[in-house]
Amino acid sequence: MSAPTSLASRYPEAYLIDSMECTDIGSGQTMISLANTYSGLPGRFYAHVQPTAVSEPRMLAFNRPLALELGLDADALDSPEGAALLAGNAVPEGITPIAMAYAGHQFGGFVPQLGDGRAILLGEALDGDGRRRDIQLKGAGRTPYSRGGDGRAAIGPVLREYLVSEAMHALGIATTRALAAVATGDMVYRDTALPGAVLTRVAASHIRVGTFQFFAARGDEDGLRQLADYAIDRLYPELSERDNRYLGLLEAVAGRQARLVARWMHVGFIHGVMNTDNSSISGETIDFGPCAFMDAYDPATVFSSIDRGGRYQYQNQPGIAQWNLARFAETLLPLIDGDSEAATEKANGAVVDFARRFQDAWLAGLRRKIGLAGAEDEDGALVQGLLDLMQSDAVDWTGAFRRLGDCARGNDTPFRSLFGDRAAADRWLTSWRDRLSRDPDGAPDRAARMDRENPLYIPRNHLVEEALAAAIAGELGPFDTLLSVLADPCADQGPERRRYAEPAPRDGRIYKTFCGT
């Protein structure tokens, strides 16, 4: 609750100017009331930009619960006037849209200037808990950072991000969220002509590792300090009184990133493009371009068509997150300590400790997935034994953990049927049950606890593609149904929705994803 007050006092002019209510839309109702504290930072942090109008804005999907959570007028926004606003056609008086500047390592190569090439930040809403949340239009036209691009987005990538980000939220994983998807009535041109759309994205912040790299690459220590102070005030206010707040920022980001990547891996999620410009310091999942979920467990799984070397494959995600954290640490060195050697030593401690943080989060989650409440030293070996079995038979990641819950109920058949080597599966089950016998929490509600940890429904790649293909053709029914299923991922929704829990047929698992830019 302290962050809004702190930001308002630090940037009073921007806060007051951009907090004006927007009452000039539709029938005069207040649809959206925003501040923009980021625009209180110096001009080199962003560019002022207006969204480019589209020909026929039409609402494709609207997230009413999220709108209410943000204190917005859901009825007014879910209207033709609201569609115009969320397509960028109507920017109310008092709103100062900006595109944020940042740099980034893309597939290991540094690009000193990237920035929001097709995203425009309208401002910040305060949710019911007093948290500041960015509201951004993605696909709303060119910005000074578009680098020759059209600044637009197609319906397929927009609805993919909407679907997957909301699924991640339902799974309890920190993520940006989707407020709305609006069709533009215009075509965008990639390999072919595609119907266009704009996504309204909500985030705790859009500050990235690459934002810090932008200033570090220019030797702009004053800009770095202002950015770090803003990030602490907004995202980590508990660090404000710490002796070394900038080291604290590095450690806090390390902790959130470790927990985030562990949670991705617990559900078989592969981000696909973990560049530093796609690494949020808020600890949220951001940018759902070539992401996908594993069916058959293989730690070397990679889906992205542009990741030809497998840099961002499933098993590499913790190491890449640590690599990104090291790049973040490099930007903070002059702030952490005036003595470069001392700064490096302190920062290295936080970067090295990331591996422990991740391993602790990873193993804690796997313990919960296999029904353990307590901890023993050999639990890692027990988990690895299961993963080895799953890999050897290309067993479905989501299905295996879910069916292990049946074993906790005394029915081993569904789980055993997944494996070609039933004897090996039985040996692992014997070891598992021996370990469960020593667990302090006992058995009565174990299966129910496992069901709460192990989703029945994830955004299966073949189902996502089916829904997107139908939406591009003008039929939103499959998208709406899949979105509804994924909103409650752990509860069995009955036989009529059984297909949503099934992996793709083995001959249909060769799958590639694309950025859509």
Protein backbone atom coordinates (compact mmCIF):
# COMPACT_ATOMS: atom_id res chain seq x y z
CA MET A 1 0.00 0.00 0.00
CA SER A 2 2.96 2.35 0.44
CA ALA A 3 4.05 2.32 -3.21
CA PRO A 4 1.34 4.64 -4.61
CA THR A 5 2.00 7.26 -1.90
CA SER A 6 5.73 7.05 -2.46
CA LEU A 7 5.39 7.44 -6.21
CA ALA A 8 2.92 10.29 -5.89
CA SER A 9 5.30 12.18 -3.65
CA ARG A 10 8.31 11.49 -5.85
CA TYR A 11 6.53 12.39 -9.10
CA PRO A 12 3.69 14.70 -7.96
CA GLU A 13 3.34 16.60 -11.22
CA ALA A 14 2.90 13.54 -13.42
CA TYR A 15 0.66 11.90 -10.86
CA LEU A 16 -1.71 14.85 -10.67
CA ILE A 17 -1.84 15.57 -14.40
CA ASP A 18 -2.49 11.99 -15.46
CA SER A 19 -4.89 11.04 -12.69
CA MET A 20 -7.73 12.98 -14.31
CA GLU A 21 -10.79 10.88 -14.95
CA CYS A 22 -11.68 10.17 -18.57
CA THR A 23 -15.31 11.20 -18.85
CA ASP A 24 -15.53 12.15 -22.51
CA ILE A 25 -16.15 8.65 -23.85
CA GLY A 26 -19.44 7.21 -25.02
CA SER A 27 -22.36 8.48 -22.94
CA GLY A 28 -20.16 10.39 -20.53
CA GLN A 29 -19.44 7.58 -18.08
CA THR A 30 -16.00 7.17 -16.52
CA MET A 31 -14.59 4.16 -18.32
CA ILE A 32 -11.00 4.39 -17.25
CA SER A 33 -9.06 6.54 -14.79
CA LEU A 34 -5.29 6.33 -15.02
CA ALA A 35 -2.10 7.85 -13.71
CA ASN A 36 1.26 7.69 -15.48
CA THR A 37 4.09 8.00 -12.99
CA TYR A 38 6.61 6.60 -15.48
CA SER A 39 6.16 9.71 -17.59
CA GLY A 40 7.40 11.68 -14.58
CA LEU A 41 10.86 10.30 -15.33
CA PRO A 42 13.12 12.21 -17.75
CA GLY A 43 12.26 12.25 -21.45
CA ARG A 44 15.05 9.88 -22.45
CA PHE A 45 13.18 7.04 -20.68
CA TYR A 46 10.40 6.96 -23.27
CA ALA A 47 8.85 8.60 -26.30
CA HIS A 48 5.46 10.29 -26.38
CA VAL A 49 3.37 8.57 -29.02
CA GLN A 50 -0.27 8.35 -30.05
CA PRO A 51 -1.88 5.07 -31.09
CA THR A 52 -2.74 4.82 -34.78
CA ALA A 53 -6.48 4.67 -35.42
CA VAL A 54 -7.99 1.54 -36.93
CA SER A 55 -10.94 1.25 -39.29
CA GLU A 56 -13.47 -0.95 -37.49
CA PRO A 57 -12.70 -1.74 -33.82
CA ARG A 58 -14.71 -4.68 -32.53
CA MET A 59 -14.39 -6.48 -29.19
CA LEU A 60 -13.19 -10.09 -29.55
CA ALA A 61 -12.66 -10.88 -25.88
CA PHE A 62 -13.10 -8.83 -22.73
CA ASN A 63 -11.91 -9.79 -19.26
CA ARG A 64 -14.71 -8.55 -17.04
CA PRO A 65 -13.34 -9.94 -13.74
CA LEU A 66 -9.99 -8.24 -14.36
CA ALA A 67 -11.69 -4.96 -15.26
CA LEU A 68 -13.57 -5.03 -11.96
CA GLU A 69 -10.37 -5.93 -10.11
CA LEU A 70 -8.77 -2.82 -11.61
CA GLY A 71 -11.68 -0.62 -10.58
CA LEU A 72 -12.71 0.02 -14.19
CA ASP A 73 -16.24 0.38 -15.53
CA ALA A 74 -16.64 -3.05 -17.10
CA ASP A 75 -20.03 -2.33 -18.67
CA ALA A 76 -18.77 0.82 -20.33
CA LEU A 77 -15.58 -0.77 -21.61
CA ASP A 78 -17.39 -3.81 -22.99
CA SER A 79 -19.12 -1.70 -25.62
CA PRO A 80 -18.41 -0.24 -29.06
CA GLU A 81 -17.06 2.90 -27.36
CA GLY A 82 -14.85 0.74 -25.14
CA ALA A 83 -13.59 -1.18 -28.16
CA ALA A 84 -12.63 2.13 -29.77
CA LEU A 85 -10.74 3.16 -26.65
CA LEU A 86 -8.91 -0.17 -26.36
CA ALA A 87 -8.02 -0.14 -30.06
CA GLY A 88 -6.37 3.25 -29.64
CA ASN A 89 -8.95 5.21 -31.63
CA ALA A 90 -10.00 7.35 -28.70
CA VAL A 91 -7.31 8.58 -26.30
CA PRO A 92 -9.05 10.59 -23.60
CA GLU A 93 -7.88 13.99 -22.47
CA GLY A 94 -5.43 13.67 -19.59
CA ILE A 95 -3.88 10.41 -20.81
CA THR A 96 -0.27 10.72 -22.02
CA PRO A 97 0.58 7.53 -23.97
CA ILE A 98 4.25 6.58 -24.12
CA ALA A 99 6.49 3.91 -25.63
CA MET A 100 9.22 2.80 -23.24
CA ALA A 101 12.88 2.72 -24.22
CA TYR A 102 14.99 -0.37 -23.54
CA ALA A 103 17.83 -2.43 -24.93
CA GLY A 104 18.47 -6.16 -24.64
CA HIS A 105 20.37 -9.33 -25.38
CA GLN A 106 18.51 -11.26 -28.07
CA PHE A 107 19.72 -14.86 -28.35
CA GLY A 108 22.93 -13.74 -26.63
CA GLY A 109 23.68 -10.78 -28.90
CA PHE A 110 23.35 -7.28 -27.48
CA VAL A 111 21.15 -4.70 -29.21
CA PRO A 112 21.67 -1.26 -27.62
CA GLN A 113 18.28 0.14 -28.62
CA LEU A 114 15.04 -1.80 -28.85
CA GLY A 115 12.06 -0.27 -27.04
CA ASP A 116 8.33 -0.68 -27.42
CA GLY A 117 8.03 -1.13 -31.16
CA ARG A 118 4.33 -1.95 -31.15
CA ALA A 119 3.29 -1.36 -27.54
CA ILE A 120 1.96 1.89 -26.09
CA LEU A 121 1.56 2.43 -22.35
CA LEU A 122 -1.65 4.31 -21.60
CA GLY A 123 -0.99 4.59 -17.87
CA GLU A 124 -1.52 2.91 -14.52
CA ALA A 125 -4.64 1.86 -12.65
CA LEU A 126 -4.82 1.22 -8.93
CA ASP A 127 -6.44 -2.11 -8.16
CA GLY A 128 -8.52 -2.90 -5.09
CA ASP A 129 -5.41 -3.69 -3.07
CA GLY A 130 -3.79 -0.38 -3.91
CA ARG A 131 -1.31 -1.95 -6.33
CA ARG A 132 -0.30 0.05 -9.38
CA ARG A 133 -0.92 -1.85 -12.65
CA ASP A 134 0.21 -0.80 -16.13
CA ILE A 135 -2.37 -0.77 -18.90
CA GLN A 136 -0.72 -1.11 -22.29
CA LEU A 137 -1.97 -1.46 -25.85
CA LYS A 138 -0.03 -4.00 -27.91
CA GLY A 139 -0.37 -3.75 -31.67
CA ALA A 140 -1.59 -0.14 -31.64
CA GLY A 141 0.74 1.19 -34.32
CA ARG A 142 4.25 2.43 -34.97
CA THR A 143 6.45 4.07 -32.36
CA PRO A 144 9.92 5.62 -32.64
CA TYR A 145 11.26 2.19 -31.63
CA SER A 146 9.51 0.17 -34.36
CA ARG A 147 12.73 -0.25 -36.39
CA GLY A 148 10.86 -0.42 -39.69
CA GLY A 149 8.03 -2.59 -38.38
CA ASP A 150 4.37 -1.77 -38.78
CA GLY A 151 3.60 -1.70 -35.05
CA ARG A 152 0.62 -3.95 -35.60
CA ALA A 153 -0.42 -7.40 -34.40
CA ALA A 154 -2.52 -10.16 -35.96
CA ILE A 155 -5.53 -11.81 -34.35
CA GLY A 156 -3.70 -15.14 -33.85
CA PRO A 157 -0.80 -13.87 -31.69
CA VAL A 158 -3.09 -11.51 -29.80
CA LEU A 159 -5.52 -14.27 -28.87
CA ARG A 160 -2.63 -16.64 -28.09
CA GLU A 161 -1.28 -14.17 -25.53
CA TYR A 162 -4.75 -13.58 -24.15
CA LEU A 163 -5.39 -17.30 -23.76
CA VAL A 164 -2.02 -18.36 -22.39
CA SER A 165 -1.53 -15.42 -20.03
CA GLU A 166 -4.96 -15.99 -18.49
CA ALA A 167 -4.21 -19.72 -18.22
CA MET A 168 -0.98 -18.90 -16.41
CA HIS A 169 -2.88 -16.68 -14.00
CA ALA A 170 -5.35 -19.47 -13.29
CA LEU A 171 -2.41 -21.79 -12.62
CA GLY A 172 -1.17 -19.38 -9.96
CA ILE A 173 1.90 -18.25 -11.92
CA ALA A 174 2.94 -14.59 -11.89
CA THR A 175 2.11 -13.14 -15.28
CA THR A 176 1.00 -10.17 -17.27
CA ARG A 177 -2.71 -10.43 -17.98
CA ALA A 178 -5.11 -9.69 -20.80
CA LEU A 179 -7.87 -7.14 -20.33
CA ALA A 180 -9.18 -7.16 -23.89
CA ALA A 181 -8.59 -8.22 -27.47
CA VAL A 182 -10.04 -5.93 -30.13
CA ALA A 183 -10.24 -6.70 -33.85
CA THR A 184 -9.16 -3.72 -35.94
CA GLY A 185 -10.93 -4.36 -39.23
CA ASP A 186 -7.56 -3.92 -40.95
CA MET A 187 -5.12 -6.46 -42.36
CA VAL A 188 -1.52 -6.92 -41.25
CA TYR A 189 1.07 -8.46 -43.49
CA ARG A 190 3.47 -11.17 -42.38
CA ASP A 191 4.00 -14.22 -44.62
CA THR A 192 0.46 -13.53 -45.75
CA ALA A 193 -2.33 -11.04 -45.08
CA LEU A 194 -3.91 -11.58 -41.66
CA PRO A 195 -6.73 -9.85 -39.79
CA GLY A 196 -5.37 -7.39 -37.25
CA ALA A 197 -6.05 -6.98 -33.53
CA VAL A 198 -4.90 -5.03 -30.48
CA LEU A 199 -4.26 -6.61 -27.07
CA THR A 200 -4.77 -4.64 -23.88
CA ARG A 201 -2.12 -5.97 -21.51
CA VAL A 202 -2.00 -5.46 -17.74
CA ALA A 203 1.21 -5.79 -15.73
CA ALA A 204 2.65 -4.82 -12.37
CA SER A 205 5.30 -3.12 -14.48
CA HIS A 206 6.81 -3.27 -17.95
CA ILE A 207 10.33 -2.49 -16.71
CA ARG A 208 12.71 -5.12 -18.00
CA VAL A 209 16.33 -6.12 -17.53
CA GLY A 210 16.77 -4.50 -20.93
CA THR A 211 15.47 -1.19 -19.55
CA PHE A 212 18.45 -1.06 -17.21
CA GLN A 213 20.75 -2.17 -20.02
CA PHE A 214 19.59 0.79 -22.11
CA PHE A 215 21.08 3.25 -19.61
CA ALA A 216 24.11 1.14 -18.73
CA ALA A 217 25.09 0.91 -22.41
CA ARG A 218 25.13 4.70 -22.55
CA GLY A 219 27.11 5.13 -19.36
CA ASP A 220 24.12 7.00 -17.94
CA GLU A 221 24.58 6.40 -14.21
CA ASP A 222 22.10 9.12 -13.29
CA GLY A 223 19.45 7.45 -15.46
CA LEU A 224 20.24 4.08 -13.89
CA ARG A 225 19.83 5.50 -10.41
CA GLN A 226 16.52 7.16 -11.26
CA LEU A 227 15.25 3.95 -12.86
CA ALA A 228 16.34 1.82 -9.90
CA ASP A 229 14.78 4.24 -7.41
CA TYR A 230 11.53 4.22 -9.38
CA ALA A 231 11.52 0.41 -9.55
CA ILE A 232 12.11 0.12 -5.81
CA ASP A 233 9.42 2.65 -4.98
CA ARG A 234 6.92 0.93 -7.22
CA LEU A 235 7.72 -2.78 -6.95
CA TYR A 236 9.88 -3.28 -3.86
CA PRO A 237 8.99 -0.51 -1.37
CA GLU A 238 10.20 -2.70 1.49
CA LEU A 239 13.75 -2.00 0.29
CA SER A 240 13.45 1.75 0.75
CA GLU A 241 15.03 1.74 4.22
CA ARG A 242 17.67 -0.87 3.46
CA ASP A 243 21.31 0.23 3.73
CA ASN A 244 22.19 -1.00 0.21
CA ARG A 245 18.88 -0.74 -1.61
CA TYR A 246 20.39 -1.48 -5.02
CA LEU A 247 21.94 -4.75 -3.88
CA GLY A 248 18.59 -5.46 -2.29
CA LEU A 249 16.91 -4.84 -5.64
CA LEU A 250 19.18 -7.38 -7.32
CA GLU A 251 18.50 -9.96 -4.62
CA ALA A 252 14.75 -9.36 -4.73
CA VAL A 253 14.60 -9.74 -8.50
CA ALA A 254 16.71 -12.91 -8.24
CA GLY A 255 14.23 -14.39 -5.79
CA ARG A 256 11.20 -13.60 -7.93
CA GLN A 257 12.83 -14.90 -11.11
CA ALA A 258 13.89 -18.13 -9.41
CA ARG A 259 10.35 -18.79 -8.19
CA LEU A 260 8.86 -17.80 -11.55
CA VAL A 261 11.00 -20.13 -13.68
CA ALA A 262 10.49 -22.98 -11.22
CA ARG A 263 6.73 -22.52 -11.52
CA TRP A 264 6.99 -22.50 -15.33
CA MET A 265 8.78 -25.79 -15.23
CA HIS A 266 6.35 -27.36 -12.78
CA VAL A 267 3.64 -27.09 -15.46
CA GLY A 268 5.86 -27.85 -18.48
CA PHE A 269 5.84 -24.29 -19.81
CA ILE A 270 8.53 -23.17 -22.24
CA HIS A 271 8.75 -19.41 -22.72
CA GLY A 272 10.58 -19.70 -26.02
CA VAL A 273 12.38 -16.36 -26.13
CA MET A 274 13.98 -15.47 -22.79
CA ASN A 275 15.86 -12.46 -24.08
CA THR A 276 16.77 -9.82 -21.50
CA ASP A 277 14.20 -7.49 -23.04
CA ASN A 278 11.60 -10.17 -22.22
CA SER A 279 12.76 -10.52 -18.61
CA SER A 280 10.58 -8.44 -16.29
CA ILE A 281 12.06 -7.23 -13.02
CA SER A 282 8.60 -7.56 -11.43
CA GLY A 283 8.94 -11.34 -11.68
CA GLU A 284 6.02 -11.72 -14.08
CA THR A 285 5.83 -13.83 -17.21
CA ILE A 286 5.89 -11.38 -20.11
CA ASP A 287 5.71 -11.66 -23.90
CA PHE A 288 3.98 -14.85 -25.01
CA GLY A 289 5.26 -15.02 -28.59
CA PRO A 290 6.64 -18.50 -29.31
CA CYS A 291 5.69 -20.05 -25.95
CA ALA A 292 4.20 -23.54 -25.62
CA PHE A 293 3.60 -26.37 -23.15
CA MET A 294 5.29 -29.75 -23.30
CA ASP A 295 3.28 -32.84 -24.00
CA ALA A 296 5.82 -35.68 -23.82
CA TYR A 297 8.53 -35.01 -21.25
CA ASP A 298 11.86 -34.27 -22.87
CA PRO A 299 14.15 -31.76 -21.14
CA ALA A 300 15.54 -30.71 -24.55
CA THR A 301 12.11 -29.67 -25.85
CA VAL A 302 12.09 -26.47 -27.88
CA PHE A 303 9.19 -25.12 -29.92
CA SER A 304 10.24 -21.72 -31.22
CA SER A 305 10.96 -21.62 -34.94
CA ILE A 306 13.64 -18.96 -34.39
CA ASP A 307 15.45 -20.87 -31.60
CA ARG A 308 17.42 -23.04 -34.00
CA GLY A 309 20.19 -23.78 -31.48
CA GLY A 310 17.85 -24.66 -28.63
CA ARG A 311 19.10 -21.83 -26.41
CA TYR A 312 15.74 -21.52 -24.66
CA GLN A 313 14.75 -25.19 -24.46
CA TYR A 314 12.94 -26.42 -21.37
CA GLN A 315 15.97 -27.57 -19.38
CA ASN A 316 17.97 -24.41 -20.15
CA GLN A 317 15.48 -21.97 -18.65
CA PRO A 318 17.02 -21.80 -15.15
CA GLY A 319 20.50 -21.22 -16.57
CA ILE A 320 19.23 -18.55 -18.95
CA ALA A 321 17.37 -16.81 -16.11
CA GLN A 322 20.63 -16.74 -14.14
CA TRP A 323 22.49 -15.42 -17.21
CA ASN A 324 19.90 -12.66 -17.57
CA LEU A 325 20.27 -11.89 -13.88
CA ALA A 326 24.02 -11.51 -14.36
CA ARG A 327 23.35 -8.96 -17.09
CA PHE A 328 21.03 -7.12 -14.70
CA ALA A 329 23.72 -7.22 -12.00
CA GLU A 330 26.23 -5.66 -14.40
CA THR A 331 23.99 -2.63 -14.85
CA LEU A 332 23.69 -2.10 -11.09
CA LEU A 333 27.41 -2.32 -10.23
CA PRO A 334 28.04 1.45 -10.02
CA LEU A 335 25.02 1.81 -7.75
CA ILE A 336 25.85 -1.12 -5.48
CA ASP A 337 29.30 0.15 -4.49
CA GLY A 338 31.65 2.89 -5.61
CA ASP A 339 34.51 0.40 -5.44
CA SER A 340 34.17 -1.75 -8.57
CA GLU A 341 35.77 -4.83 -7.01
CA ALA A 342 33.53 -4.65 -3.95
CA ALA A 343 30.47 -4.10 -6.15
CA THR A 344 31.34 -7.13 -8.29
CA GLU A 345 31.84 -9.34 -5.25
CA LYS A 346 28.51 -8.34 -3.74
CA ALA A 347 26.63 -8.73 -7.03
CA ASN A 348 28.26 -12.08 -7.76
CA GLY A 349 26.95 -13.38 -4.46
CA ALA A 350 23.38 -12.66 -5.51
CA VAL A 351 23.86 -14.13 -8.98
CA VAL A 352 25.50 -17.31 -7.71
CA ASP A 353 22.80 -17.70 -5.05
CA PHE A 354 20.16 -17.77 -7.80
CA ALA A 355 20.97 -21.45 -8.43
CA ARG A 356 20.16 -22.35 -4.82
CA ARG A 357 16.99 -20.27 -4.88
CA PHE A 358 15.82 -21.95 -8.05
CA GLN A 359 16.68 -25.46 -6.84
CA ASP A 360 14.83 -24.89 -3.58
CA ALA A 361 11.74 -23.60 -5.41
CA TRP A 362 11.90 -26.37 -8.03
CA LEU A 363 12.21 -29.19 -5.49
CA ALA A 364 9.59 -27.73 -3.16
CA GLY A 365 7.12 -27.66 -6.05
CA LEU A 366 7.97 -31.19 -7.16
CA ARG A 367 7.50 -32.41 -3.60
CA ARG A 368 4.01 -30.94 -3.64
CA LYS A 369 3.30 -32.45 -7.06
CA ILE A 370 4.09 -35.97 -5.81
CA GLY A 371 2.17 -35.49 -2.59
CA LEU A 372 4.90 -34.77 -0.05
CA ALA A 373 4.35 -32.29 2.76
CA GLY A 374 7.70 -32.75 4.48
CA ALA A 375 11.28 -32.87 3.20
CA GLU A 376 14.01 -35.51 3.23
CA ASP A 377 17.47 -35.38 1.71
CA GLU A 378 16.71 -38.12 -0.82
CA ASP A 379 13.57 -36.48 -2.22
CA GLY A 380 15.55 -35.06 -5.16
CA ALA A 381 16.65 -38.55 -6.17
CA LEU A 382 13.07 -39.82 -5.90
CA VAL A 383 11.83 -37.03 -8.17
CA GLN A 384 14.65 -37.60 -10.65
CA GLY A 385 13.78 -41.28 -10.81
CA LEU A 386 10.26 -40.38 -11.90
CA LEU A 387 11.53 -37.89 -14.48
CA ASP A 388 13.90 -40.48 -15.92
CA LEU A 389 11.02 -42.93 -16.30
CA MET A 390 8.87 -40.29 -17.96
CA GLN A 391 11.61 -39.32 -20.39
CA SER A 392 12.43 -42.89 -21.38
CA ASP A 393 8.81 -43.53 -22.44
CA ALA A 394 8.03 -39.99 -23.69
CA VAL A 395 5.24 -39.80 -21.11
CA ASP A 396 2.93 -36.81 -21.05
CA TRP A 397 4.14 -34.37 -18.39
CA THR A 398 0.76 -33.10 -17.25
CA GLY A 399 -0.98 -36.46 -17.42
CA ALA A 400 1.68 -38.34 -15.45
CA PHE A 401 1.49 -36.09 -12.40
CA ARG A 402 -2.29 -35.95 -12.52
CA ARG A 403 -2.57 -39.74 -12.68
CA LEU A 404 -0.17 -40.09 -9.79
CA GLY A 405 -3.01 -38.64 -7.74
CA ASP A 406 -5.02 -41.75 -8.66
CA CYS A 407 -2.25 -43.83 -7.13
CA ALA A 408 -2.67 -41.86 -3.91
CA ARG A 409 -6.30 -43.03 -4.00
CA GLY A 410 -5.17 -46.64 -4.41
CA ASN A 411 -5.71 -46.98 -8.17
CA ASP A 412 -2.38 -47.51 -9.94
CA THR A 413 -3.78 -48.55 -13.31
CA PRO A 414 -4.08 -45.12 -15.01
CA PHE A 415 -0.52 -44.20 -14.03
CA ARG A 416 1.04 -47.58 -14.91
CA SER A 417 -0.65 -47.54 -18.33
CA LEU A 418 1.52 -44.59 -19.33
CA PHE A 419 4.72 -46.64 -19.23
CA GLY A 420 6.04 -49.34 -21.51
CA ASP A 421 8.22 -50.73 -18.72
CA ARG A 422 5.56 -51.46 -16.10
CA ALA A 423 8.06 -53.19 -13.83
CA ALA A 424 10.16 -50.02 -13.65
CA ALA A 425 7.05 -47.98 -12.91
CA ASP A 426 6.12 -50.41 -10.14
CA ARG A 427 9.58 -50.14 -8.59
CA TRP A 428 9.30 -46.38 -8.53
CA LEU A 429 5.81 -46.57 -7.00
CA THR A 430 7.18 -48.83 -4.27
CA SER A 431 9.90 -46.28 -3.45
CA TRP A 432 7.34 -43.49 -3.53
CA ARG A 433 4.99 -45.24 -1.15
CA ASP A 434 7.85 -46.02 1.20
CA ARG A 435 8.67 -42.30 1.25
CA LEU A 436 5.00 -41.37 1.77
CA SER A 437 4.88 -43.65 4.82
CA ARG A 438 7.38 -41.33 6.51
CA ASP A 439 5.67 -38.11 5.50
CA PRO A 440 4.43 -36.15 8.52
CA ASP A 441 1.16 -35.06 6.97
CA GLY A 442 -0.33 -38.51 6.50
CA ALA A 443 -2.62 -39.73 3.74
CA PRO A 444 -6.24 -38.55 4.27
CA ASP A 445 -6.26 -35.53 1.93
CA ARG A 446 -3.10 -36.26 -0.05
CA ALA A 447 -4.85 -37.02 -3.34
CA ALA A 448 -6.92 -33.83 -3.11
CA ARG A 449 -3.78 -31.81 -2.39
CA MET A 450 -2.07 -33.38 -5.38
CA ASP A 451 -5.02 -32.53 -7.61
CA ARG A 452 -4.71 -28.90 -6.54
CA GLU A 453 -1.03 -28.91 -7.53
CA ASN A 454 -1.35 -30.87 -10.77
CA PRO A 455 -3.62 -29.33 -13.40
CA LEU A 456 -5.89 -31.45 -15.50
CA TYR A 457 -6.13 -28.78 -18.18
CA ILE A 458 -3.32 -26.72 -19.71
CA PRO A 459 -3.24 -24.83 -23.03
CA ARG A 460 -2.54 -27.93 -25.10
CA ASN A 461 -0.80 -26.83 -28.26
CA HIS A 462 -3.15 -28.59 -30.67
CA LEU A 463 -6.18 -27.13 -28.90
CA VAL A 464 -4.71 -23.63 -28.92
CA GLU A 465 -4.04 -23.88 -32.65
CA GLU A 466 -7.55 -25.22 -33.26
CA ALA A 467 -9.07 -22.29 -31.36
CA LEU A 468 -6.88 -19.70 -33.08
CA ALA A 469 -7.58 -21.07 -36.55
CA ALA A 470 -11.31 -20.88 -35.89
CA ALA A 471 -11.01 -17.32 -34.53
CA ILE A 472 -9.05 -16.15 -37.57
CA ALA A 473 -11.87 -17.57 -39.69
CA GLY A 474 -14.38 -15.58 -37.66
CA GLU A 475 -15.62 -18.26 -35.24
CA LEU A 476 -14.83 -17.45 -31.58
CA GLY A 477 -16.71 -20.37 -30.02
CA PRO A 478 -13.68 -22.70 -29.70
CA PHE A 479 -11.59 -19.89 -28.21
CA ASP A 480 -14.27 -18.98 -25.67
CA THR A 481 -14.74 -22.62 -24.65
CA LEU A 482 -11.02 -23.24 -24.25
CA LEU A 483 -10.66 -20.05 -22.23
CA SER A 484 -13.49 -21.20 -19.97
CA VAL A 485 -11.86 -24.62 -19.44
CA LEU A 486 -8.49 -23.11 -18.60
CA ALA A 487 -10.00 -20.74 -16.04
CA ASP A 488 -10.40 -23.72 -13.66
CA PRO A 489 -7.42 -25.94 -14.51
CA CYS A 490 -7.41 -28.36 -11.59
CA ALA A 491 -11.09 -29.28 -11.22
CA ASP A 492 -12.47 -32.17 -13.26
CA GLN A 493 -15.04 -30.52 -15.54
CA GLY A 494 -16.73 -33.73 -16.58
CA PRO A 495 -16.72 -36.14 -19.52
CA GLU A 496 -17.94 -33.52 -22.00
CA ARG A 497 -14.60 -31.72 -21.56
CA ARG A 498 -12.37 -34.77 -21.44
CA ARG A 499 -10.73 -33.94 -24.77
CA TYR A 500 -9.25 -30.80 -23.22
CA ALA A 501 -7.26 -32.97 -20.81
CA GLU A 502 -5.79 -35.23 -23.48
CA PRO A 503 -2.41 -34.68 -25.15
CA ALA A 504 -2.10 -34.47 -28.88
CA PRO A 505 -1.82 -37.82 -30.66
CA ARG A 506 1.82 -38.91 -30.87
CA ASP A 507 1.85 -38.28 -34.61
CA GLY A 508 0.60 -34.75 -34.00
CA ARG A 509 3.26 -33.58 -31.55
CA ILE A 510 5.70 -32.05 -34.04
CA TYR A 511 4.94 -28.44 -33.31
CA LYS A 512 6.53 -25.09 -34.05
CA THR A 513 5.65 -21.69 -32.69
CA PHE A 514 6.27 -18.28 -34.22
CA CYS A 515 6.70 -14.79 -32.78
CA GLY A 516 4.06 -13.12 -34.91
CA THR A 517 6.07 -9.91 -35.30
